[in-house]
Amino acid sequence: MLDLAIGHSKRVGVNRRRAGILPRLVAVSTLFLVMLLANPAQAGYAAIVIDADSGRILHSRNANTPNFPASLTKMMTLFMTFEALERGTLSLHQHLRVSKRAAGQPASKLGLKEGETITVDDAIRAMSVISANDVATVIAEALGGTEVKFAQMMTERARALGMTRTSFRNASGLPNRRQKTTARDMSILARALIDGLPDYYGYFSVPSFQYKGKNYRSHNSLLKDYAGTDGIKTGYIRASGFNLVTSAERDGVRLIGVVFGGKTAKRRDRQMRRLLNRSWAQARAASTFAARPIPKPEIPGTEADATAYINAPIPPTVLRRTAAEWGIQIGAFEGYTDAHIAAGNVAQHLSNLPVTASLKIQPVSRTPGTLFRARLMGMDEISARASCRQLVRNGQDCVLVTPQGDELASLPTR
């Protein structure tokens, strides 16, 4: 009987402990589930490098892990803005009103006041150059009515692009636990901006812009210190760390790199350089660009035709955006090979050369012999002007080439 009593006592004690543990397990599990649902993104290191032409992945680490996009969000805001410009819903010179909510957004910001207006062109530059949060809200309210509605539109458009792990809650990237993306999704968006909207991608190349007499410089340091870089966006909030999406082109090969979770901006940039440096050889090995034969030039017309062309009056500069038909001329050379090499060297060192740009060597008859004009064509007006300014600052000659045939326009001083 004593043994039975002892056994009964032990069973009662075990059952009581089990009864106490079960509610605690339920409580812990519920808390974990609530935390998971409330904070689906995981701030941490992630990276991917892809070949922009083929989409082939050259490097990947945690590329599908949810992360906070921070100001990389503005890539999608700008994507929606560029599509609105394509549709005619917006125009570059259109004035957008600043609401109280927009004016109240925290830094980084342009410092807009409630009731004033800003043009779409200035708004785009403010977002791409200094990642202005107040301007992002202005755009969101112009296109969506409210920022909440615009964020829903952004998410829907992102899913249509194949960004299946991305959800937006605002237009700026300011902290929100439900705003998430992945390194892979951001590479998809970067590729869509480069390939799908080449007329506007040049905005990501702009190193600085002026607004109300104040000069603002780009947060993206790779634009000036990593050869071939022509964009596209930095991002930071405390929860995400330092994020960066970069596009760079060399020798006809374009890479897109994404880094999430940098400890500092400098360490993030250094890691991006490492990843891109490791990927060039792999990308070139799969590229057919280097294997393409240099086409033999055809000498056009007669000497009289060439002379008439050279002496034709230069039209005034047209200050308007067109399709990717603008270009720059870097010089005229006595040999085709010299012209081709010179144009290639310039292309590799221009920090704002868009993906649509290509080398054009144009032979022109003269007495005696033939000159070969070295040009980079296939740009929008903004990219062409930015490229020319960079060359002029470096002490090189440069003139703009307008979309009107082969007529030249001089670069204005402004």
Protein backbone atom coordinates (compact mmCIF):
# COMPACT_ATOMS: atom_id res chain seq x y z
CA MET A 1 0.00 0.00 0.00
CA LEU A 2 2.85 2.30 0.83
CA ASP A 3 4.44 1.60 -2.59
CA LEU A 4 1.13 2.31 -4.28
CA ALA A 5 0.78 5.57 -2.36
CA ILE A 6 4.28 6.61 -3.31
CA GLY A 7 3.63 5.76 -6.97
CA HIS A 8 0.40 7.70 -6.92
CA SER A 9 2.17 10.69 -5.37
CA LYS A 10 4.85 10.65 -8.08
CA ARG A 11 2.28 10.49 -10.86
CA VAL A 12 0.39 13.41 -9.37
CA GLY A 13 3.62 15.45 -9.20
CA VAL A 14 4.51 14.68 -12.82
CA ASN A 15 1.04 15.54 -14.02
CA ARG A 16 1.13 18.81 -12.15
CA ARG A 17 4.50 19.70 -13.69
CA ARG A 18 3.18 18.78 -17.13
CA ALA A 19 0.08 20.86 -16.52
CA GLY A 20 2.30 23.80 -15.63
CA ILE A 21 4.66 23.39 -18.59
CA LEU A 22 1.93 23.15 -21.24
CA PRO A 23 0.51 26.67 -20.75
CA ARG A 24 4.03 28.08 -20.74
CA LEU A 25 4.82 26.29 -24.02
CA VAL A 26 1.61 27.61 -25.53
CA ALA A 27 2.41 31.13 -24.35
CA VAL A 28 5.96 31.00 -25.72
CA SER A 29 4.78 29.57 -29.05
CA THR A 30 2.09 32.21 -29.35
CA LEU A 31 4.57 35.00 -28.59
CA PHE A 32 7.00 33.63 -31.18
CA LEU A 33 4.25 33.41 -33.79
CA VAL A 34 3.13 36.98 -33.05
CA MET A 35 6.72 38.22 -33.36
CA LEU A 36 7.17 36.32 -36.63
CA LEU A 37 3.99 37.74 -38.13
CA ALA A 38 4.73 41.24 -36.90
CA ASN A 39 8.31 41.25 -38.15
CA PRO A 40 8.69 38.97 -41.18
CA ALA A 41 11.89 40.61 -42.40
CA GLN A 42 15.25 39.49 -41.01
CA ALA A 43 17.87 42.21 -40.89
CA GLY A 44 21.14 40.61 -41.87
CA TYR A 45 23.77 40.25 -44.57
CA ALA A 46 22.61 39.24 -48.03
CA ALA A 47 24.08 39.70 -51.49
CA ILE A 48 23.65 38.79 -55.13
CA VAL A 49 25.46 39.60 -58.38
CA ILE A 50 23.86 38.91 -61.75
CA ASP A 51 24.74 39.36 -65.39
CA ALA A 52 22.33 42.09 -66.43
CA ASP A 53 22.07 40.82 -70.01
CA SER A 54 21.27 37.16 -69.31
CA GLY A 55 20.04 37.34 -65.72
CA ARG A 56 22.53 34.61 -64.79
CA ILE A 57 23.46 34.55 -61.09
CA LEU A 58 27.20 34.97 -60.55
CA HIS A 59 27.16 35.19 -56.75
CA SER A 60 24.46 34.61 -54.17
CA ARG A 61 24.29 34.57 -50.39
CA ASN A 62 21.02 34.74 -48.47
CA ALA A 63 19.56 36.21 -51.66
CA ASN A 64 16.02 35.00 -50.88
CA THR A 65 16.05 35.95 -47.19
CA PRO A 66 13.51 38.67 -46.30
CA ASN A 67 15.16 41.98 -45.44
CA PHE A 68 14.21 45.60 -44.90
CA PRO A 69 14.74 47.57 -48.12
CA ALA A 70 15.15 51.01 -46.48
CA SER A 71 15.57 53.64 -49.22
CA LEU A 72 15.99 51.01 -51.91
CA THR A 73 12.20 51.31 -51.79
CA LYS A 74 12.56 54.51 -53.80
CA MET A 75 13.74 52.43 -56.77
CA MET A 76 10.17 51.16 -56.97
CA THR A 77 8.74 54.64 -56.36
CA LEU A 78 10.86 55.92 -59.24
CA PHE A 79 9.89 52.93 -61.39
CA MET A 80 6.23 53.84 -60.92
CA THR A 81 7.04 57.49 -61.65
CA PHE A 82 8.85 56.64 -64.88
CA GLU A 83 5.97 54.44 -66.03
CA ALA A 84 3.57 57.32 -65.32
CA LEU A 85 5.75 59.55 -67.50
CA GLU A 86 5.65 56.91 -70.25
CA ARG A 87 1.84 56.77 -70.06
CA GLY A 88 1.51 60.55 -69.94
CA THR A 89 -0.07 60.51 -66.47
CA LEU A 90 2.76 62.78 -65.35
CA SER A 91 5.01 65.22 -67.21
CA LEU A 92 8.48 66.32 -66.22
CA HIS A 93 7.55 69.98 -65.86
CA GLN A 94 4.31 69.30 -63.98
CA HIS A 95 4.08 70.91 -60.52
CA LEU A 96 3.03 68.67 -57.63
CA ARG A 97 1.60 70.09 -54.40
CA VAL A 98 3.23 69.31 -51.05
CA SER A 99 0.82 68.09 -48.38
CA LYS A 100 1.18 68.48 -44.62
CA ARG A 101 1.98 64.79 -44.34
CA ALA A 102 4.70 65.01 -47.01
CA ALA A 103 6.28 68.07 -45.42
CA GLY A 104 6.36 66.28 -42.06
CA GLN A 105 8.42 63.29 -43.20
CA PRO A 106 11.75 62.83 -41.37
CA ALA A 107 15.20 63.12 -42.95
CA SER A 108 16.70 62.52 -45.35
CA LYS A 109 14.56 65.21 -46.95
CA LEU A 110 14.55 68.23 -49.22
CA GLY A 111 12.79 70.40 -46.62
CA LEU A 112 9.60 71.06 -48.55
CA LYS A 113 6.89 73.19 -46.95
CA GLU A 114 3.17 72.46 -46.90
CA GLY A 115 1.40 74.14 -49.81
CA GLU A 116 4.42 74.72 -52.02
CA THR A 117 4.99 72.80 -55.24
CA ILE A 118 7.84 70.87 -56.84
CA THR A 119 8.24 69.76 -60.45
CA VAL A 120 8.31 66.08 -61.30
CA ASP A 121 11.82 66.49 -62.73
CA ASP A 122 13.13 67.99 -59.47
CA ALA A 123 11.27 65.34 -57.49
CA ILE A 124 12.97 62.55 -59.43
CA ARG A 125 16.40 64.09 -58.92
CA ALA A 126 15.76 64.62 -55.20
CA MET A 127 14.86 60.95 -54.76
CA SER A 128 17.67 59.55 -56.88
CA VAL A 129 20.42 61.87 -55.60
CA ILE A 130 19.68 62.46 -51.89
CA SER A 131 16.86 59.95 -51.27
CA ALA A 132 14.42 62.63 -50.08
CA ASN A 133 11.59 61.12 -48.02
CA ASP A 134 9.31 64.15 -48.23
CA VAL A 135 9.50 64.05 -52.02
CA ALA A 136 8.68 60.31 -52.09
CA THR A 137 5.44 61.06 -50.27
CA VAL A 138 4.63 63.86 -52.73
CA ILE A 139 4.97 61.40 -55.62
CA ALA A 140 2.98 58.72 -53.77
CA GLU A 141 0.06 61.08 -53.15
CA ALA A 142 0.15 62.36 -56.73
CA LEU A 143 -0.08 58.86 -58.20
CA GLY A 144 -2.06 56.98 -55.57
CA GLY A 145 -4.13 59.61 -53.79
CA THR A 146 -2.72 58.39 -50.48
CA GLU A 147 0.64 56.83 -49.64
CA VAL A 148 -1.12 53.71 -48.35
CA LYS A 149 -2.88 53.21 -51.69
CA PHE A 150 0.34 53.92 -53.58
CA ALA A 151 2.18 51.30 -51.51
CA GLN A 152 -0.47 48.77 -52.53
CA MET A 153 0.07 49.76 -56.16
CA MET A 154 3.84 49.37 -55.71
CA THR A 155 3.40 45.87 -54.29
CA GLU A 156 1.10 44.79 -57.10
CA ARG A 157 3.53 46.10 -59.73
CA ALA A 158 6.45 44.43 -57.98
CA ARG A 159 4.66 41.06 -58.06
CA ALA A 160 3.98 41.54 -61.77
CA LEU A 161 7.73 42.04 -62.31
CA GLY A 162 8.46 38.74 -60.53
CA MET A 163 9.36 40.22 -57.13
CA THR A 164 7.37 37.56 -55.28
CA ARG A 165 8.93 38.14 -51.84
CA THR A 166 8.45 41.91 -51.73
CA SER A 167 5.78 43.95 -49.92
CA PHE A 168 5.73 47.74 -49.66
CA ARG A 169 4.04 49.81 -46.96
CA ASN A 170 5.30 53.27 -47.91
CA ALA A 171 7.05 55.05 -50.79
CA SER A 172 10.23 56.06 -48.97
CA GLY A 173 11.55 53.04 -47.10
CA LEU A 174 11.10 54.58 -43.66
CA PRO A 175 10.82 51.90 -40.93
CA ASN A 176 7.84 49.57 -41.18
CA ARG A 177 7.94 45.98 -39.94
CA ARG A 178 5.82 44.75 -42.82
CA GLN A 179 7.93 46.36 -45.54
CA LYS A 180 10.21 43.65 -46.87
CA THR A 181 12.15 42.51 -49.91
CA THR A 182 15.09 40.30 -50.84
CA ALA A 183 18.41 40.82 -52.58
CA ARG A 184 17.15 38.75 -55.51
CA ASP A 185 13.97 40.82 -55.84
CA MET A 186 15.98 44.05 -55.85
CA SER A 187 18.17 42.70 -58.66
CA ILE A 188 14.98 42.01 -60.64
CA LEU A 189 13.83 45.59 -60.10
CA ALA A 190 17.22 47.03 -61.09
CA ARG A 191 17.18 45.00 -64.30
CA ALA A 192 13.63 46.20 -65.06
CA LEU A 193 14.71 49.82 -64.63
CA ILE A 194 17.74 49.38 -66.90
CA ASP A 195 16.12 47.32 -69.65
CA GLY A 196 12.54 48.48 -69.47
CA LEU A 197 12.94 52.21 -68.91
CA PRO A 198 16.25 53.20 -70.54
CA ASP A 199 15.03 56.73 -71.31
CA TYR A 200 14.83 57.46 -67.59
CA TYR A 201 17.53 55.26 -66.10
CA GLY A 202 20.03 58.11 -66.60
CA TYR A 203 18.56 59.85 -63.55
CA PHE A 204 20.37 57.30 -61.38
CA SER A 205 23.66 58.50 -62.89
CA VAL A 206 23.24 62.12 -61.82
CA PRO A 207 26.00 62.87 -59.27
CA SER A 208 24.40 66.08 -57.96
CA PHE A 209 21.59 68.56 -58.50
CA GLN A 210 20.69 72.09 -57.47
CA TYR A 211 17.44 73.12 -55.84
CA LYS A 212 16.65 76.65 -54.73
CA GLY A 213 20.30 77.65 -54.93
CA LYS A 214 21.58 74.73 -52.85
CA ASN A 215 23.76 71.97 -54.29
CA TYR A 216 23.07 68.38 -53.27
CA ARG A 217 25.52 65.54 -53.92
CA SER A 218 24.72 61.86 -54.42
CA HIS A 219 24.96 59.43 -51.51
CA ASN A 220 26.28 56.80 -53.93
CA SER A 221 30.08 57.06 -53.76
CA LEU A 222 30.61 54.23 -56.26
CA LEU A 223 29.47 56.61 -58.99
CA LYS A 224 32.78 58.41 -58.73
CA ASP A 225 35.22 55.77 -57.49
CA TYR A 226 34.31 52.46 -59.18
CA ALA A 227 34.92 52.43 -62.93
CA GLY A 228 31.86 51.71 -65.04
CA THR A 229 29.28 52.39 -62.32
CA ASP A 230 26.20 54.26 -63.53
CA GLY A 231 23.84 53.84 -60.56
CA ILE A 232 21.67 52.99 -58.88
CA LYS A 233 20.61 53.40 -55.15
CA THR A 234 21.71 53.39 -51.53
CA GLY A 235 19.57 52.75 -48.46
CA TYR A 236 19.80 52.81 -44.69
CA ILE A 237 17.65 52.49 -41.62
CA ARG A 238 18.86 51.16 -38.27
CA ALA A 239 16.89 47.93 -38.68
CA SER A 240 18.38 47.14 -42.11
CA GLY A 241 21.96 48.31 -41.93
CA PHE A 242 23.53 49.83 -45.02
CA ASN A 243 22.06 48.59 -48.32
CA LEU A 244 23.21 49.17 -51.89
CA VAL A 245 22.18 48.26 -55.43
CA THR A 246 24.86 48.93 -58.06
CA SER A 247 25.00 48.63 -61.83
CA ALA A 248 28.32 48.77 -63.65
CA GLU A 249 29.32 48.17 -67.28
CA ARG A 250 32.73 47.33 -68.70
CA ASP A 251 33.67 46.07 -72.16
CA GLY A 252 30.05 45.52 -73.10
CA VAL A 253 29.33 43.44 -69.99
CA ARG A 254 26.97 44.79 -67.33
CA LEU A 255 26.72 43.55 -63.76
CA ILE A 256 24.04 44.25 -61.18
CA GLY A 257 25.05 43.84 -57.55
CA VAL A 258 22.96 43.99 -54.38
CA VAL A 259 24.30 44.13 -50.81
CA PHE A 260 22.12 44.18 -47.68
CA GLY A 261 23.12 44.66 -44.06
CA GLY A 262 26.43 46.51 -44.27
CA LYS A 263 27.80 47.59 -40.88
CA THR A 264 28.87 50.97 -42.28
CA ALA A 265 28.55 52.68 -45.65
CA LYS A 266 32.27 52.25 -46.32
CA ARG A 267 32.24 48.53 -45.48
CA ARG A 268 29.15 48.04 -47.63
CA ASP A 269 30.81 49.82 -50.58
CA ARG A 270 34.01 47.84 -50.08
CA GLN A 271 32.07 44.58 -50.12
CA MET A 272 30.26 45.60 -53.30
CA ARG A 273 33.59 46.29 -55.02
CA ARG A 274 34.87 42.86 -53.95
CA LEU A 275 31.81 41.08 -55.29
CA LEU A 276 31.88 42.91 -58.62
CA ASN A 277 35.64 42.43 -59.01
CA ARG A 278 35.21 38.67 -58.52
CA SER A 279 32.39 38.51 -61.07
CA TRP A 280 33.81 40.31 -64.13
CA ALA A 281 35.89 37.38 -65.42
CA GLN A 282 33.00 34.94 -65.04
CA ALA A 283 30.61 37.31 -66.82
CA ARG A 284 33.04 38.04 -69.67
CA ALA A 285 33.64 34.33 -70.25
CA ALA A 286 29.96 33.92 -71.08
CA SER A 287 29.69 37.14 -73.10
CA THR A 288 29.84 37.28 -76.89
CA PHE A 289 30.62 41.00 -76.93
CA ALA A 290 34.41 40.58 -76.95
CA ALA A 291 34.18 38.06 -79.77
CA ARG A 292 32.28 40.37 -82.09
CA PRO A 293 34.37 41.49 -85.06
CA ILE A 294 34.93 45.21 -85.48
CA PRO A 295 32.90 46.20 -88.56
CA LYS A 296 34.82 47.68 -91.45
CA PRO A 297 33.83 51.28 -92.07
CA GLU A 298 32.15 52.36 -95.23
CA ILE A 299 33.38 55.65 -96.67
CA PRO A 300 30.24 57.69 -97.38
CA GLY A 301 29.56 59.73 -100.48
CA THR A 302 31.94 62.05 -102.23
CA GLU A 303 34.34 64.62 -100.90
CA ALA A 304 31.82 67.35 -101.74
CA ASP A 305 29.12 65.54 -99.72
CA ALA A 306 31.43 65.22 -96.73
CA THR A 307 32.51 68.86 -96.94
CA ALA A 308 28.88 70.00 -97.08
CA TYR A 309 28.10 67.89 -94.05
CA ILE A 310 31.04 69.19 -92.02
CA ASN A 311 30.22 72.82 -92.88
CA ALA A 312 26.50 72.49 -92.14
CA PRO A 313 25.28 74.95 -89.49
CA ILE A 314 25.05 73.61 -85.95
CA PRO A 315 21.49 73.82 -84.61
CA PRO A 316 20.81 75.32 -81.18
CA THR A 317 20.71 72.96 -78.21
CA VAL A 318 17.27 71.51 -77.67
CA LEU A 319 16.47 71.36 -73.96
CA ARG A 320 14.03 68.48 -73.99
CA ARG A 321 14.02 64.75 -73.32
CA THR A 322 13.67 62.31 -76.19
CA ALA A 323 14.20 58.60 -76.58
CA ALA A 324 17.69 57.15 -76.28
CA GLU A 325 18.96 58.90 -79.42
CA TRP A 326 21.39 61.38 -77.91
CA GLY A 327 25.13 60.90 -77.77
CA ILE A 328 28.53 62.49 -77.32
CA GLN A 329 31.53 62.91 -79.60
CA ILE A 330 34.95 62.66 -77.98
CA GLY A 331 37.11 63.43 -81.00
CA ALA A 332 38.08 62.73 -84.61
CA PHE A 333 41.04 60.49 -85.46
CA GLU A 334 43.05 59.63 -88.54
CA GLY A 335 42.75 55.87 -87.95
CA TYR A 336 39.69 53.72 -87.31
CA THR A 337 41.49 51.67 -84.67
CA ASP A 338 42.63 54.79 -82.81
CA ALA A 339 39.05 56.10 -82.75
CA HIS A 340 37.68 52.78 -81.56
CA ILE A 341 40.24 52.46 -78.75
CA ALA A 342 39.69 56.06 -77.63
CA ALA A 343 35.91 55.64 -77.48
CA GLY A 344 36.27 52.35 -75.59
CA ASN A 345 38.60 53.90 -73.01
CA VAL A 346 36.21 56.78 -72.42
CA ALA A 347 33.26 54.38 -72.09
CA GLN A 348 35.02 52.38 -69.38
CA HIS A 349 35.70 55.46 -67.25
CA LEU A 350 32.37 57.26 -67.58
CA SER A 351 30.44 56.87 -64.35
CA ASN A 352 27.03 57.58 -65.86
CA LEU A 353 26.95 55.62 -69.11
CA PRO A 354 23.53 53.97 -69.57
CA VAL A 355 23.06 50.40 -70.75
CA THR A 356 21.73 51.60 -74.12
CA ALA A 357 24.98 53.36 -75.05
CA SER A 358 27.14 51.91 -77.83
CA LEU A 359 30.32 52.83 -79.69
CA LYS A 360 29.86 54.47 -83.08
CA ILE A 361 32.85 55.15 -85.30
CA GLN A 362 31.83 57.40 -88.19
CA PRO A 363 34.14 57.86 -91.17
CA VAL A 364 34.06 61.22 -92.94
CA SER A 365 35.97 61.95 -96.14
CA ARG A 366 38.27 64.95 -96.25
CA THR A 367 41.24 66.20 -98.21
CA PRO A 368 43.56 64.42 -97.82
CA GLY A 369 42.44 61.09 -96.31
CA THR A 370 39.59 60.23 -93.98
CA LEU A 371 38.76 61.18 -90.41
CA PHE A 372 37.00 58.83 -88.01
CA ARG A 373 34.66 60.41 -85.48
CA ALA A 374 34.53 58.56 -82.15
CA ARG A 375 31.08 58.72 -80.59
CA LEU A 376 29.06 57.11 -77.85
CA MET A 377 25.42 57.02 -78.96
CA GLY A 378 22.15 55.60 -77.66
CA MET A 379 21.71 57.81 -74.59
CA ASP A 380 18.90 59.98 -73.32
CA GLU A 381 19.59 63.69 -73.07
CA ILE A 382 20.26 63.67 -69.32
CA SER A 383 22.86 60.90 -69.59
CA ALA A 384 24.56 62.55 -72.57
CA ARG A 385 24.87 65.88 -70.77
CA ALA A 386 26.13 64.23 -67.59
CA SER A 387 28.75 62.26 -69.55
CA CYS A 388 29.93 65.37 -71.37
CA ARG A 389 30.22 67.33 -68.15
CA GLN A 390 32.29 64.58 -66.57
CA LEU A 391 34.70 64.59 -69.53
CA VAL A 392 34.97 68.38 -69.54
CA ARG A 393 35.70 68.40 -65.81
CA ASN A 394 38.53 65.95 -66.50
CA GLY A 395 40.00 68.22 -69.17
CA GLN A 396 38.78 66.24 -72.19
CA ASP A 397 36.97 67.51 -75.25
CA CYS A 398 33.31 66.64 -75.64
CA VAL A 399 30.34 67.83 -77.69
CA LEU A 400 26.73 66.68 -77.58
CA VAL A 401 25.17 64.89 -80.52
CA THR A 402 21.45 65.59 -80.87
CA PRO A 403 18.78 63.15 -82.08
CA GLN A 404 18.46 65.21 -85.30
CA GLY A 405 20.59 63.08 -87.61
CA ASP A 406 24.29 63.69 -87.14
CA GLU A 407 24.08 67.36 -86.24
CA LEU A 408 26.17 68.53 -83.30
CA ALA A 409 25.23 70.79 -80.43
CA SER A 410 27.70 72.43 -78.10
CA LEU A 411 27.47 71.76 -74.39
CA PRO A 412 25.98 74.69 -72.47
CA THR A 413 27.90 76.06 -69.53
CA ARG A 414 25.10 75.66 -67.03
